[in-house]
Amino acid sequence: MAVEKIKASMEWRCPHCGLQAKGTITMNSAGMTWLESAWDAHVKECRSKRQANKSGVHQMARDPNRIAPMLDALRQVWEANPDLWLAQIVSNAARGHGAWPDVFSVEDDELMRGLETQRGANNAMV
């Protein structure tokens, strides 16, 4: 009995450590399932390590105090550029991840730096 081969292009980036996997692979469905679960395990482990603070205590939630400054920066950029769509502003702020970034994986602090850059560029044009 012949084993079905799967050829797939993949481009994965760990949002926690930046590790990237990119390329075209050919394997059977069991190998693909294993590869996906191994990648998911890496991301989960990386997330756990990142969330552990210096004392080794696991942090269960992100700091809610980050929300207001993020929304403030977003509001300022959008008000200065009312013709842009929200998705354009977020995509532009995430540009450190490539020309057309997958914003799902962009951390809040990275997005905030991008918004601050846009806000600074708007102030320079005034």
PDB file of N, CA and C in Angstrom:
ATOM      1  N   MET A   1       0.844  -1.182   0.000  1.00  0.00           N
ATOM      2  CA  MET A   1       0.000   0.000   0.000  1.00  0.00           C
ATOM      3  C   MET A   1       0.890   1.246   0.000  1.00  0.00           C
ATOM      4  N   ALA A   2       0.630   2.150  -0.915  1.00  0.00           N
ATOM      5  CA  ALA A   2       1.428   3.372  -1.045  1.00  0.00           C
ATOM      6  C   ALA A   2       1.018   4.385   0.028  1.00  0.00           C
ATOM      7  N   VAL A   3       2.011   5.076   0.562  1.00  0.00           N
ATOM      8  CA  VAL A   3       1.768   6.108   1.560  1.00  0.00           C
ATOM      9  C   VAL A   3       1.650   7.445   0.841  1.00  0.00           C
ATOM     10  N   GLU A   4       0.573   8.159   1.139  1.00  0.00           N
ATOM     11  CA  GLU A   4       0.352   9.443   0.507  1.00  0.00           C
ATOM     12  C   GLU A   4       1.380  10.453   1.014  1.00  0.00           C
ATOM     13  N   LYS A   5       2.000  11.169   0.086  1.00  0.00           N
ATOM     14  CA  LYS A   5       2.980  12.204   0.435  1.00  0.00           C
ATOM     15  C   LYS A   5       2.304  13.565   0.359  1.00  0.00           C
ATOM     16  N   ILE A   6       2.656  14.415   1.279  1.00  0.00           N
ATOM     17  CA  ILE A   6       2.135  15.779   1.314  1.00  0.00           C
ATOM     18  C   ILE A   6       3.302  16.720   1.042  1.00  0.00           C
ATOM     19  N   LYS A   7       3.122  17.616   0.098  1.00  0.00           N
ATOM     20  CA  LYS A   7       4.125  18.642  -0.165  1.00  0.00           C
ATOM     21  C   LYS A   7       3.515  19.957   0.306  1.00  0.00           C
ATOM     22  N   ALA A   8       4.214  20.629   1.177  1.00  0.00           N
ATOM     23  CA  ALA A   8       3.666  21.856   1.748  1.00  0.00           C
ATOM     24  C   ALA A   8       4.736  22.918   1.870  1.00  0.00           C
ATOM     25  N   SER A   9       4.332  24.145   1.611  1.00  0.00           N
ATOM     26  CA  SER A   9       5.199  25.288   1.892  1.00  0.00           C
ATOM     27  C   SER A   9       4.834  25.774   3.275  1.00  0.00           C
ATOM     28  N   MET A  10       5.840  26.098   4.055  1.00  0.00           N
ATOM     29  CA  MET A  10       5.563  26.551   5.416  1.00  0.00           C
ATOM     30  C   MET A  10       6.407  27.771   5.724  1.00  0.00           C
ATOM     31  N   GLU A  11       5.876  28.583   6.585  1.00  0.00           N
ATOM     32  CA  GLU A  11       6.621  29.721   7.099  1.00  0.00           C
ATOM     33  C   GLU A  11       6.090  29.978   8.501  1.00  0.00           C
ATOM     34  N   TRP A  12       6.845  29.545   9.473  1.00  0.00           N
ATOM     35  CA  TRP A  12       6.454  29.681  10.868  1.00  0.00           C
ATOM     36  C   TRP A  12       7.452  30.575  11.568  1.00  0.00           C
ATOM     37  N   ARG A  13       6.977  31.370  12.521  1.00  0.00           N
ATOM     38  CA  ARG A  13       7.841  32.220  13.334  1.00  0.00           C
ATOM     39  C   ARG A  13       7.329  32.151  14.763  1.00  0.00           C
ATOM     40  N   CYS A  14       8.228  31.810  15.674  1.00  0.00           N
ATOM     41  CA  CYS A  14       7.851  31.779  17.087  1.00  0.00           C
ATOM     42  C   CYS A  14       7.703  33.222  17.563  1.00  0.00           C
ATOM     43  N   PRO A  15       6.542  33.591  18.102  1.00  0.00           N
ATOM     44  CA  PRO A  15       6.347  34.974  18.554  1.00  0.00           C
ATOM     45  C   PRO A  15       7.132  35.307  19.825  1.00  0.00           C
ATOM     46  N   HIS A  16       7.717  34.303  20.446  1.00  0.00           N
ATOM     47  CA  HIS A  16       8.395  34.521  21.716  1.00  0.00           C
ATOM     48  C   HIS A  16       9.906  34.632  21.576  1.00  0.00           C
ATOM     49  N   CYS A  17      10.512  33.804  20.720  1.00  0.00           N
ATOM     50  CA  CYS A  17      11.979  33.836  20.593  1.00  0.00           C
ATOM     51  C   CYS A  17      12.438  34.251  19.198  1.00  0.00           C
ATOM     52  N   GLY A  18      11.503  34.323  18.242  1.00  0.00           N
ATOM     53  CA  GLY A  18      11.857  34.742  16.897  1.00  0.00           C
ATOM     54  C   GLY A  18      12.352  33.621  15.994  1.00  0.00           C
ATOM     55  N   LEU A  19      12.451  32.392  16.498  1.00  0.00           N
ATOM     56  CA  LEU A  19      12.890  31.271  15.680  1.00  0.00           C
ATOM     57  C   LEU A  19      11.975  31.148  14.464  1.00  0.00           C
ATOM     58  N   GLN A  20      12.589  30.969  13.291  1.00  0.00           N
ATOM     59  CA  GLN A  20      11.801  30.859  12.070  1.00  0.00           C
ATOM     60  C   GLN A  20      12.045  29.533  11.387  1.00  0.00           C
ATOM     61  N   ALA A  21      11.001  28.997  10.807  1.00  0.00           N
ATOM     62  CA  ALA A  21      11.088  27.792   9.982  1.00  0.00           C
ATOM     63  C   ALA A  21      10.401  28.137   8.674  1.00  0.00           C
ATOM     64  N   LYS A  22      11.128  27.994   7.589  1.00  0.00           N
ATOM     65  CA  LYS A  22      10.584  28.397   6.308  1.00  0.00           C
ATOM     66  C   LYS A  22      11.084  27.438   5.247  1.00  0.00           C
ATOM     67  N   GLY A  23      10.225  27.055   4.331  1.00  0.00           N
ATOM     68  CA  GLY A  23      10.653  26.204   3.241  1.00  0.00           C
ATOM     69  C   GLY A  23       9.539  25.330   2.723  1.00  0.00           C
ATOM     70  N   THR A  24       9.893  24.409   1.859  1.00  0.00           N
ATOM     71  CA  THR A  24       8.954  23.449   1.291  1.00  0.00           C
ATOM     72  C   THR A  24       9.379  22.062   1.734  1.00  0.00           C
ATOM     73  N   ILE A  25       8.424  21.316   2.227  1.00  0.00           N
ATOM     74  CA  ILE A  25       8.723  19.972   2.710  1.00  0.00           C
ATOM     75  C   ILE A  25       7.777  18.969   2.061  1.00  0.00           C
ATOM     76  N   THR A  26       8.237  17.735   1.966  1.00  0.00           N
ATOM     77  CA  THR A  26       7.406  16.643   1.476  1.00  0.00           C
ATOM     78  C   THR A  26       7.492  15.515   2.496  1.00  0.00           C
ATOM     79  N   MET A  27       6.356  15.066   2.975  1.00  0.00           N
ATOM     80  CA  MET A  27       6.313  13.966   3.942  1.00  0.00           C
ATOM     81  C   MET A  27       4.918  13.391   3.977  1.00  0.00           C
ATOM     82  N   ASN A  28       4.763  12.300   4.698  1.00  0.00           N
ATOM     83  CA  ASN A  28       3.418  11.724   4.810  1.00  0.00           C
ATOM     84  C   ASN A  28       2.638  12.470   5.898  1.00  0.00           C
ATOM     85  N   SER A  29       1.353  12.167   6.008  1.00  0.00           N
ATOM     86  CA  SER A  29       0.500  12.915   6.940  1.00  0.00           C
ATOM     87  C   SER A  29       0.936  12.725   8.393  1.00  0.00           C
ATOM     88  N   ALA A  30       1.454  11.558   8.750  1.00  0.00           N
ATOM     89  CA  ALA A  30       1.918  11.334  10.126  1.00  0.00           C
ATOM     90  C   ALA A  30       3.117  12.215  10.432  1.00  0.00           C
ATOM     91  N   GLY A  31       4.025  12.359   9.469  1.00  0.00           N
ATOM     92  CA  GLY A  31       5.183  13.230   9.657  1.00  0.00           C
ATOM     93  C   GLY A  31       4.765  14.679   9.782  1.00  0.00           C
ATOM     94  N   MET A  32       3.793  15.089   8.976  1.00  0.00           N
ATOM     95  CA  MET A  32       3.305  16.460   9.041  1.00  0.00           C
ATOM     96  C   MET A  32       2.652  16.728  10.390  1.00  0.00           C
ATOM     97  N   THR A  33       1.871  15.776  10.873  1.00  0.00           N
ATOM     98  CA  THR A  33       1.236  15.921  12.189  1.00  0.00           C
ATOM     99  C   THR A  33       2.302  16.050  13.281  1.00  0.00           C
ATOM    100  N   TRP A  34       3.346  15.218  13.192  1.00  0.00           N
ATOM    101  CA  TRP A  34       4.425  15.286  14.174  1.00  0.00           C
ATOM    102  C   TRP A  34       5.123  16.640  14.114  1.00  0.00           C
ATOM    103  N   LEU A  35       5.423  17.122  12.903  1.00  0.00           N
ATOM    104  CA  LEU A  35       6.108  18.401  12.745  1.00  0.00           C
ATOM    105  C   LEU A  35       5.282  19.543  13.338  1.00  0.00           C
ATOM    106  N   GLU A  36       3.991  19.546  13.050  1.00  0.00           N
ATOM    107  CA  GLU A  36       3.122  20.593  13.596  1.00  0.00           C
ATOM    108  C   GLU A  36       3.059  20.525  15.119  1.00  0.00           C
ATOM    109  N   SER A  37       2.990  19.316  15.673  1.00  0.00           N
ATOM    110  CA  SER A  37       2.930  19.202  17.138  1.00  0.00           C
ATOM    111  C   SER A  37       4.268  19.577  17.773  1.00  0.00           C
ATOM    112  N   ALA A  38       5.378  19.274  17.097  1.00  0.00           N
ATOM    113  CA  ALA A  38       6.690  19.671  17.618  1.00  0.00           C
ATOM    114  C   ALA A  38       6.819  21.195  17.625  1.00  0.00           C
ATOM    115  N   TRP A  39       6.342  21.824  16.565  1.00  0.00           N
ATOM    116  CA  TRP A  39       6.397  23.298  16.510  1.00  0.00           C
ATOM    117  C   TRP A  39       5.517  23.895  17.598  1.00  0.00           C
ATOM    118  N   ASP A  40       4.302  23.369  17.748  1.00  0.00           N
ATOM    119  CA  ASP A  40       3.407  23.859  18.796  1.00  0.00           C
ATOM    120  C   ASP A  40       4.036  23.688  20.180  1.00  0.00           C
ATOM    121  N   ALA A  41       4.726  22.572  20.394  1.00  0.00           N
ATOM    122  CA  ALA A  41       5.395  22.339  21.679  1.00  0.00           C
ATOM    123  C   ALA A  41       6.506  23.365  21.902  1.00  0.00           C
ATOM    124  N   HIS A  42       7.256  23.692  20.841  1.00  0.00           N
ATOM    125  CA  HIS A  42       8.303  24.716  20.966  1.00  0.00           C
ATOM    126  C   HIS A  42       7.691  26.044  21.377  1.00  0.00           C
ATOM    127  N   VAL A  43       6.632  26.460  20.689  1.00  0.00           N
ATOM    128  CA  VAL A  43       5.997  27.747  20.981  1.00  0.00           C
ATOM    129  C   VAL A  43       5.458  27.758  22.415  1.00  0.00           C
ATOM    130  N   LYS A  44       4.843  26.657  22.841  1.00  0.00           N
ATOM    131  CA  LYS A  44       4.297  26.572  24.202  1.00  0.00           C
ATOM    132  C   LYS A  44       5.421  26.671  25.239  1.00  0.00           C
ATOM    133  N   GLU A  45       6.513  25.961  25.018  1.00  0.00           N
ATOM    134  CA  GLU A  45       7.653  26.004  25.945  1.00  0.00           C
ATOM    135  C   GLU A  45       8.260  27.391  25.986  1.00  0.00           C
ATOM    136  N   CYS A  46       8.411  28.002  24.823  1.00  0.00           N
ATOM    137  CA  CYS A  46       8.973  29.355  24.743  1.00  0.00           C
ATOM    138  C   CYS A  46       8.094  30.349  25.499  1.00  0.00           C
ATOM    139  N   ARG A  47       6.777  30.207  25.324  1.00  0.00           N
ATOM    140  CA  ARG A  47       5.836  31.098  25.998  1.00  0.00           C
ATOM    141  C   ARG A  47       5.984  30.946  27.511  1.00  0.00           C
ATOM    142  N   SER A  48       6.095  29.712  27.987  1.00  0.00           N
ATOM    143  CA  SER A  48       6.249  29.468  29.428  1.00  0.00           C
ATOM    144  C   SER A  48       7.528  30.093  29.963  1.00  0.00           C
ATOM    145  N   LYS A  49       8.623  29.927  29.220  1.00  0.00           N
ATOM    146  CA  LYS A  49       9.892  30.511  29.657  1.00  0.00           C
ATOM    147  C   LYS A  49       9.817  32.025  29.694  1.00  0.00           C
ATOM    148  N   ARG A  50       9.154  32.611  28.699  1.00  0.00           N
ATOM    149  CA  ARG A  50       9.063  34.068  28.642  1.00  0.00           C
ATOM    150  C   ARG A  50       8.201  34.610  29.776  1.00  0.00           C
ATOM    151  N   GLN A  51       7.180  33.857  30.148  1.00  0.00           N
ATOM    152  CA  GLN A  51       6.275  34.334  31.183  1.00  0.00           C
ATOM    153  C   GLN A  51       6.810  34.121  32.592  1.00  0.00           C
ATOM    154  N   ALA A  52       7.823  33.309  32.729  1.00  0.00           N
ATOM    155  CA  ALA A  52       8.396  33.093  34.055  1.00  0.00           C
ATOM    156  C   ALA A  52       9.272  34.295  34.412  1.00  0.00           C
ATOM    157  N   ASN A  53       9.047  34.899  35.541  1.00  0.00           N
ATOM    158  CA  ASN A  53       9.876  36.044  35.911  1.00  0.00           C
ATOM    159  C   ASN A  53      11.156  35.571  36.596  1.00  0.00           C
ATOM    160  N   LYS A  54      11.971  36.510  37.035  1.00  0.00           N
ATOM    161  CA  LYS A  54      13.287  36.173  37.585  1.00  0.00           C
ATOM    162  C   LYS A  54      13.220  35.257  38.801  1.00  0.00           C
ATOM    163  N   SER A  55      12.154  35.330  39.567  1.00  0.00           N
ATOM    164  CA  SER A  55      12.046  34.477  40.756  1.00  0.00           C
ATOM    165  C   SER A  55      11.529  33.086  40.405  1.00  0.00           C
ATOM    166  N   GLY A  56      11.223  32.873  39.125  1.00  0.00           N
ATOM    167  CA  GLY A  56      10.741  31.571  38.709  1.00  0.00           C
ATOM    168  C   GLY A  56       9.247  31.394  38.876  1.00  0.00           C
ATOM    169  N   VAL A  57       8.550  32.431  39.312  1.00  0.00           N
ATOM    170  CA  VAL A  57       7.106  32.352  39.475  1.00  0.00           C
ATOM    171  C   VAL A  57       6.455  32.583  38.115  1.00  0.00           C
ATOM    172  N   HIS A  58       5.556  31.719  37.760  1.00  0.00           N
ATOM    173  CA  HIS A  58       4.887  31.816  36.471  1.00  0.00           C
ATOM    174  C   HIS A  58       3.828  32.915  36.507  1.00  0.00           C
ATOM    175  N   GLN A  59       3.874  33.813  35.527  1.00  0.00           N
ATOM    176  CA  GLN A  59       2.892  34.888  35.435  1.00  0.00           C
ATOM    177  C   GLN A  59       1.736  34.397  34.569  1.00  0.00           C
ATOM    178  N   MET A  60       0.538  34.497  35.086  1.00  0.00           N
ATOM    179  CA  MET A  60      -0.618  33.947  34.385  1.00  0.00           C
ATOM    180  C   MET A  60      -1.245  34.904  33.380  1.00  0.00           C
ATOM    181  N   ALA A  61      -1.012  36.212  33.505  1.00  0.00           N
ATOM    182  CA  ALA A  61      -1.691  37.154  32.625  1.00  0.00           C
ATOM    183  C   ALA A  61      -0.755  38.288  32.222  1.00  0.00           C
ATOM    184  N   ARG A  62      -1.075  38.883  31.122  1.00  0.00           N
ATOM    185  CA  ARG A  62      -0.325  40.065  30.691  1.00  0.00           C
ATOM    186  C   ARG A  62      -0.799  41.259  31.513  1.00  0.00           C
ATOM    187  N   ASP A  63       0.047  42.253  31.590  1.00  0.00           N
ATOM    188  CA  ASP A  63      -0.253  43.450  32.377  1.00  0.00           C
ATOM    189  C   ASP A  63      -1.386  44.243  31.720  1.00  0.00           C
ATOM    190  N   PRO A  64      -2.515  44.394  32.385  1.00  0.00           N
ATOM    191  CA  PRO A  64      -3.623  45.144  31.789  1.00  0.00           C
ATOM    192  C   PRO A  64      -3.313  46.637  31.638  1.00  0.00           C
ATOM    193  N   ASN A  65      -2.291  47.135  32.335  1.00  0.00           N
ATOM    194  CA  ASN A  65      -1.930  48.551  32.228  1.00  0.00           C
ATOM    195  C   ASN A  65      -1.320  48.908  30.877  1.00  0.00           C
ATOM    196  N   ARG A  66      -1.049  47.923  30.038  1.00  0.00           N
ATOM    197  CA  ARG A  66      -0.480  48.186  28.714  1.00  0.00           C
ATOM    198  C   ARG A  66      -1.556  48.635  27.726  1.00  0.00           C
ATOM    199  N   ILE A  67      -2.814  48.392  28.041  1.00  0.00           N
ATOM    200  CA  ILE A  67      -3.905  48.615  27.087  1.00  0.00           C
ATOM    201  C   ILE A  67      -4.145  50.102  26.817  1.00  0.00           C
ATOM    202  N   ALA A  68      -4.279  50.910  27.852  1.00  0.00           N
ATOM    203  CA  ALA A  68      -4.588  52.330  27.658  1.00  0.00           C
ATOM    204  C   ALA A  68      -3.522  53.057  26.834  1.00  0.00           C
ATOM    205  N   PRO A  69      -2.215  52.894  27.129  1.00  0.00           N
ATOM    206  CA  PRO A  69      -1.215  53.567  26.301  1.00  0.00           C
ATOM    207  C   PRO A  69      -1.228  53.098  24.839  1.00  0.00           C
ATOM    208  N   MET A  70      -1.500  51.809  24.632  1.00  0.00           N
ATOM    209  CA  MET A  70      -1.563  51.284  23.263  1.00  0.00           C
ATOM    210  C   MET A  70      -2.717  51.927  22.505  1.00  0.00           C
ATOM    211  N   LEU A  71      -3.888  51.972  23.136  1.00  0.00           N
ATOM    212  CA  LEU A  71      -5.050  52.573  22.482  1.00  0.00           C
ATOM    213  C   LEU A  71      -4.851  54.071  22.260  1.00  0.00           C
ATOM    214  N   ASP A  72      -4.182  54.721  23.200  1.00  0.00           N
ATOM    215  CA  ASP A  72      -3.866  56.149  23.066  1.00  0.00           C
ATOM    216  C   ASP A  72      -2.979  56.401  21.842  1.00  0.00           C
ATOM    217  N   ALA A  73      -1.925  55.606  21.719  1.00  0.00           N
ATOM    218  CA  ALA A  73      -1.011  55.753  20.581  1.00  0.00           C
ATOM    219  C   ALA A  73      -1.737  55.463  19.276  1.00  0.00           C
ATOM    220  N   LEU A  74      -2.554  54.425  19.267  1.00  0.00           N
ATOM    221  CA  LEU A  74      -3.329  54.085  18.075  1.00  0.00           C
ATOM    222  C   LEU A  74      -4.274  55.228  17.701  1.00  0.00           C
ATOM    223  N   ARG A  75      -4.957  55.773  18.699  1.00  0.00           N
ATOM    224  CA  ARG A  75      -5.880  56.893  18.453  1.00  0.00           C
ATOM    225  C   ARG A  75      -5.146  58.083  17.863  1.00  0.00           C
ATOM    226  N   GLN A  76      -3.983  58.428  18.407  1.00  0.00           N
ATOM    227  CA  GLN A  76      -3.227  59.580  17.915  1.00  0.00           C
ATOM    228  C   GLN A  76      -2.764  59.386  16.476  1.00  0.00           C
ATOM    229  N   VAL A  77      -2.283  58.192  16.163  1.00  0.00           N
ATOM    230  CA  VAL A  77      -1.837  57.912  14.793  1.00  0.00           C
ATOM    231  C   VAL A  77      -3.029  57.955  13.842  1.00  0.00           C
ATOM    232  N   TRP A  78      -4.145  57.368  14.246  1.00  0.00           N
ATOM    233  CA  TRP A  78      -5.313  57.311  13.368  1.00  0.00           C
ATOM    234  C   TRP A  78      -5.907  58.695  13.150  1.00  0.00           C
ATOM    235  N   GLU A  79      -5.978  59.502  14.212  1.00  0.00           N
ATOM    236  CA  GLU A  79      -6.505  60.863  14.062  1.00  0.00           C
ATOM    237  C   GLU A  79      -5.618  61.705  13.152  1.00  0.00           C
ATOM    238  N   ALA A  80      -4.307  61.454  13.186  1.00  0.00           N
ATOM    239  CA  ALA A  80      -3.383  62.185  12.311  1.00  0.00           C
ATOM    240  C   ALA A  80      -3.450  61.669  10.868  1.00  0.00           C
ATOM    241  N   ASN A  81      -3.992  60.467  10.677  1.00  0.00           N
ATOM    242  CA  ASN A  81      -4.081  59.831   9.353  1.00  0.00           C
ATOM    243  C   ASN A  81      -5.483  59.250   9.152  1.00  0.00           C
ATOM    244  N   PRO A  82      -6.527  60.079   9.104  1.00  0.00           N
ATOM    245  CA  PRO A  82      -7.893  59.557   9.065  1.00  0.00           C
ATOM    246  C   PRO A  82      -8.237  58.778   7.797  1.00  0.00           C
ATOM    247  N   ASP A  83      -7.450  58.914   6.738  1.00  0.00           N
ATOM    248  CA  ASP A  83      -7.737  58.182   5.504  1.00  0.00           C
ATOM    249  C   ASP A  83      -7.225  56.749   5.537  1.00  0.00           C
ATOM    250  N   LEU A  84      -6.415  56.409   6.535  1.00  0.00           N
ATOM    251  CA  LEU A  84      -5.915  55.040   6.644  1.00  0.00           C
ATOM    252  C   LEU A  84      -6.949  54.150   7.313  1.00  0.00           C
ATOM    253  N   TRP A  85      -6.937  52.877   6.934  1.00  0.00           N
ATOM    254  CA  TRP A  85      -7.764  51.887   7.603  1.00  0.00           C
ATOM    255  C   TRP A  85      -7.022  51.417   8.854  1.00  0.00           C
ATOM    256  N   LEU A  86      -7.765  50.930   9.821  1.00  0.00           N
ATOM    257  CA  LEU A  86      -7.163  50.405  11.037  1.00  0.00           C
ATOM    258  C   LEU A  86      -6.124  49.334  10.712  1.00  0.00           C
ATOM    259  N   ALA A  87      -6.470  48.428   9.804  1.00  0.00           N
ATOM    260  CA  ALA A  87      -5.540  47.349   9.445  1.00  0.00           C
ATOM    261  C   ALA A  87      -4.245  47.899   8.844  1.00  0.00           C
ATOM    262  N   GLN A  88      -4.330  49.010   8.094  1.00  0.00           N
ATOM    263  CA  GLN A  88      -3.123  49.609   7.531  1.00  0.00           C
ATOM    264  C   GLN A  88      -2.222  50.157   8.639  1.00  0.00           C
ATOM    265  N   ILE A  89      -2.822  50.785   9.617  1.00  0.00           N
ATOM    266  CA  ILE A  89      -2.036  51.358  10.715  1.00  0.00           C
ATOM    267  C   ILE A  89      -1.341  50.245  11.498  1.00  0.00           C
ATOM    268  N   VAL A  90      -2.081  49.194  11.822  1.00  0.00           N
ATOM    269  CA  VAL A  90      -1.507  48.076  12.580  1.00  0.00           C
ATOM    270  C   VAL A  90      -0.417  47.387  11.758  1.00  0.00           C
ATOM    271  N   SER A  91      -0.682  47.175  10.474  1.00  0.00           N
ATOM    272  CA  SER A  91       0.304  46.536   9.602  1.00  0.00           C
ATOM    273  C   SER A  91       1.568  47.391   9.499  1.00  0.00           C
ATOM    274  N   ASN A  92       1.403  48.686   9.344  1.00  0.00           N
ATOM    275  CA  ASN A  92       2.562  49.593   9.282  1.00  0.00           C
ATOM    276  C   ASN A  92       3.355  49.572  10.586  1.00  0.00           C
ATOM    277  N   ALA A  93       2.650  49.517  11.706  1.00  0.00           N
ATOM    278  CA  ALA A  93       3.320  49.496  13.008  1.00  0.00           C
ATOM    279  C   ALA A  93       4.097  48.203  13.212  1.00  0.00           C
ATOM    280  N   ALA A  94       3.677  47.142  12.559  1.00  0.00           N
ATOM    281  CA  ALA A  94       4.319  45.831  12.708  1.00  0.00           C
ATOM    282  C   ALA A  94       5.396  45.597  11.658  1.00  0.00           C
ATOM    283  N   ARG A  95       5.753  46.591  10.892  1.00  0.00           N
ATOM    284  CA  ARG A  95       6.670  46.424   9.763  1.00  0.00           C
ATOM    285  C   ARG A  95       8.034  45.857  10.131  1.00  0.00           C
ATOM    286  N   GLY A  96       8.418  45.858  11.379  1.00  0.00           N
ATOM    287  CA  GLY A  96       9.681  45.253  11.774  1.00  0.00           C
ATOM    288  C   GLY A  96       9.708  43.756  11.500  1.00  0.00           C
ATOM    289  N   HIS A  97       8.549  43.193  11.172  1.00  0.00           N
ATOM    290  CA  HIS A  97       8.434  41.761  10.904  1.00  0.00           C
ATOM    291  C   HIS A  97       8.344  41.456   9.420  1.00  0.00           C
ATOM    292  N   GLY A  98       8.735  42.410   8.576  1.00  0.00           N
ATOM    293  CA  GLY A  98       8.723  42.175   7.132  1.00  0.00           C
ATOM    294  C   GLY A  98       7.786  43.123   6.429  1.00  0.00           C
ATOM    295  N   ALA A  99       7.824  43.077   5.111  1.00  0.00           N
ATOM    296  CA  ALA A  99       7.036  44.002   4.308  1.00  0.00           C
ATOM    297  C   ALA A  99       5.535  43.845   4.556  1.00  0.00           C
ATOM    298  N   TRP A 100       5.051  42.613   4.642  1.00  0.00           N
ATOM    299  CA  TRP A 100       3.633  42.353   4.923  1.00  0.00           C
ATOM    300  C   TRP A 100       3.559  41.391   6.104  1.00  0.00           C
ATOM    301  N   PRO A 101       3.710  41.921   7.305  1.00  0.00           N
ATOM    302  CA  PRO A 101       3.822  41.054   8.484  1.00  0.00           C
ATOM    303  C   PRO A 101       2.524  40.362   8.851  1.00  0.00           C
ATOM    304  N   ASP A 102       2.677  39.196   9.448  1.00  0.00           N
ATOM    305  CA  ASP A 102       1.563  38.483  10.045  1.00  0.00           C
ATOM    306  C   ASP A 102       1.394  39.082  11.435  1.00  0.00           C
ATOM    307  N   VAL A 103       0.474  40.012  11.590  1.00  0.00           N
ATOM    308  CA  VAL A 103       0.370  40.767  12.838  1.00  0.00           C
ATOM    309  C   VAL A 103      -0.098  39.919  14.013  1.00  0.00           C
ATOM    310  N   PHE A 104      -0.600  38.729  13.748  1.00  0.00           N
ATOM    311  CA  PHE A 104      -1.043  37.848  14.832  1.00  0.00           C
ATOM    312  C   PHE A 104       0.099  37.542  15.796  1.00  0.00           C
ATOM    313  N   SER A 105       1.311  37.453  15.282  1.00  0.00           N
ATOM    314  CA  SER A 105       2.462  37.053  16.083  1.00  0.00           C
ATOM    315  C   SER A 105       3.241  38.219  16.679  1.00  0.00           C
ATOM    316  N   VAL A 106       2.835  39.429  16.410  1.00  0.00           N
ATOM    317  CA  VAL A 106       3.585  40.603  16.874  1.00  0.00           C
ATOM    318  C   VAL A 106       3.226  40.890  18.329  1.00  0.00           C
ATOM    319  N   GLU A 107       4.246  40.971  19.162  1.00  0.00           N
ATOM    320  CA  GLU A 107       4.040  41.267  20.584  1.00  0.00           C
ATOM    321  C   GLU A 107       3.617  42.728  20.762  1.00  0.00           C
ATOM    322  N   ASP A 108       2.917  43.007  21.856  1.00  0.00           N
ATOM    323  CA  ASP A 108       2.417  44.355  22.109  1.00  0.00           C
ATOM    324  C   ASP A 108       3.529  45.397  22.165  1.00  0.00           C
ATOM    325  N   ASP A 109       4.658  45.059  22.811  1.00  0.00           N
ATOM    326  CA  ASP A 109       5.727  46.056  22.923  1.00  0.00           C
ATOM    327  C   ASP A 109       6.316  46.386  21.558  1.00  0.00           C
ATOM    328  N   GLU A 110       6.374  45.412  20.651  1.00  0.00           N
ATOM    329  CA  GLU A 110       6.876  45.659  19.300  1.00  0.00           C
ATOM    330  C   GLU A 110       5.894  46.534  18.520  1.00  0.00           C
ATOM    331  N   LEU A 111       4.611  46.261  18.672  1.00  0.00           N
ATOM    332  CA  LEU A 111       3.594  47.060  18.007  1.00  0.00           C
ATOM    333  C   LEU A 111       3.606  48.488  18.543  1.00  0.00           C
ATOM    334  N   MET A 112       3.786  48.628  19.845  1.00  0.00           N
ATOM    335  CA  MET A 112       3.834  49.961  20.449  1.00  0.00           C
ATOM    336  C   MET A 112       5.010  50.766  19.892  1.00  0.00           C
ATOM    337  N   ARG A 113       6.174  50.125  19.729  1.00  0.00           N
ATOM    338  CA  ARG A 113       7.319  50.832  19.139  1.00  0.00           C
ATOM    339  C   ARG A 113       6.991  51.313  17.727  1.00  0.00           C
ATOM    340  N   GLY A 114       6.298  50.478  16.965  1.00  0.00           N
ATOM    341  CA  GLY A 114       5.897  50.869  15.617  1.00  0.00           C
ATOM    342  C   GLY A 114       4.922  52.030  15.624  1.00  0.00           C
ATOM    343  N   LEU A 115       3.957  52.014  16.548  1.00  0.00           N
ATOM    344  CA  LEU A 115       3.008  53.125  16.661  1.00  0.00           C
ATOM    345  C   LEU A 115       3.728  54.406  17.080  1.00  0.00           C
ATOM    346  N   GLU A 116       4.689  54.279  18.003  1.00  0.00           N
ATOM    347  CA  GLU A 116       5.448  55.458  18.431  1.00  0.00           C
ATOM    348  C   GLU A 116       6.265  56.032  17.276  1.00  0.00           C
ATOM    349  N   THR A 117       6.798  55.165  16.430  1.00  0.00           N
ATOM    350  CA  THR A 117       7.532  55.626  15.245  1.00  0.00           C
ATOM    351  C   THR A 117       6.595  56.383  14.313  1.00  0.00           C
ATOM    352  N   GLN A 118       5.398  55.836  14.094  1.00  0.00           N
ATOM    353  CA  GLN A 118       4.422  56.527  13.241  1.00  0.00           C
ATOM    354  C   GLN A 118       3.993  57.854  13.856  1.00  0.00           C
ATOM    355  N   ARG A 119       3.795  57.843  15.172  1.00  0.00           N
ATOM    356  CA  ARG A 119       3.382  59.068  15.857  1.00  0.00           C
ATOM    357  C   ARG A 119       4.464  60.123  15.752  1.00  0.00           C
ATOM    358  N   GLY A 120       5.730  59.701  15.889  1.00  0.00           N
ATOM    359  CA  GLY A 120       6.859  60.623  15.745  1.00  0.00           C
ATOM    360  C   GLY A 120       6.964  61.180  14.335  1.00  0.00           C
ATOM    361  N   ALA A 121       6.696  60.343  13.332  1.00  0.00           N
ATOM    362  CA  ALA A 121       6.739  60.800  11.936  1.00  0.00           C
ATOM    363  C   ALA A 121       5.624  61.809  11.691  1.00  0.00           C
ATOM    364  N   ASN A 122       4.453  61.595  12.302  1.00  0.00           N
ATOM    365  CA  ASN A 122       3.347  62.559  12.145  1.00  0.00           C
ATOM    366  C   ASN A 122       3.705  63.887  12.772  1.00  0.00           C
ATOM    367  N   ASN A 123       4.359  63.867  13.942  1.00  0.00           N
ATOM    368  CA  ASN A 123       4.757  65.106  14.608  1.00  0.00           C
ATOM    369  C   ASN A 123       5.820  65.847  13.813  1.00  0.00           C
ATOM    370  N   ALA A 124       6.681  65.112  13.135  1.00  0.00           N
ATOM    371  CA  ALA A 124       7.736  65.742  12.338  1.00  0.00           C
ATOM    372  C   ALA A 124       7.176  66.444  11.115  1.00  0.00           C
ATOM    373  N   MET A 125       5.997  65.990  10.637  1.00  0.00           N
ATOM    374  CA  MET A 125       5.402  66.592   9.453  1.00  0.00           C
ATOM    375  C   MET A 125       4.649  67.877   9.767  1.00  0.00           C
ATOM    376  N   VAL A 126       4.369  68.120  11.030  1.00  0.00           N
ATOM    377  CA  VAL A 126       3.584  69.290  11.419  1.00  0.00           C
ATOM    378  C   VAL A 126       4.402  70.545  11.299  1.00  0.00           C
TER     379      VAL A 126
END
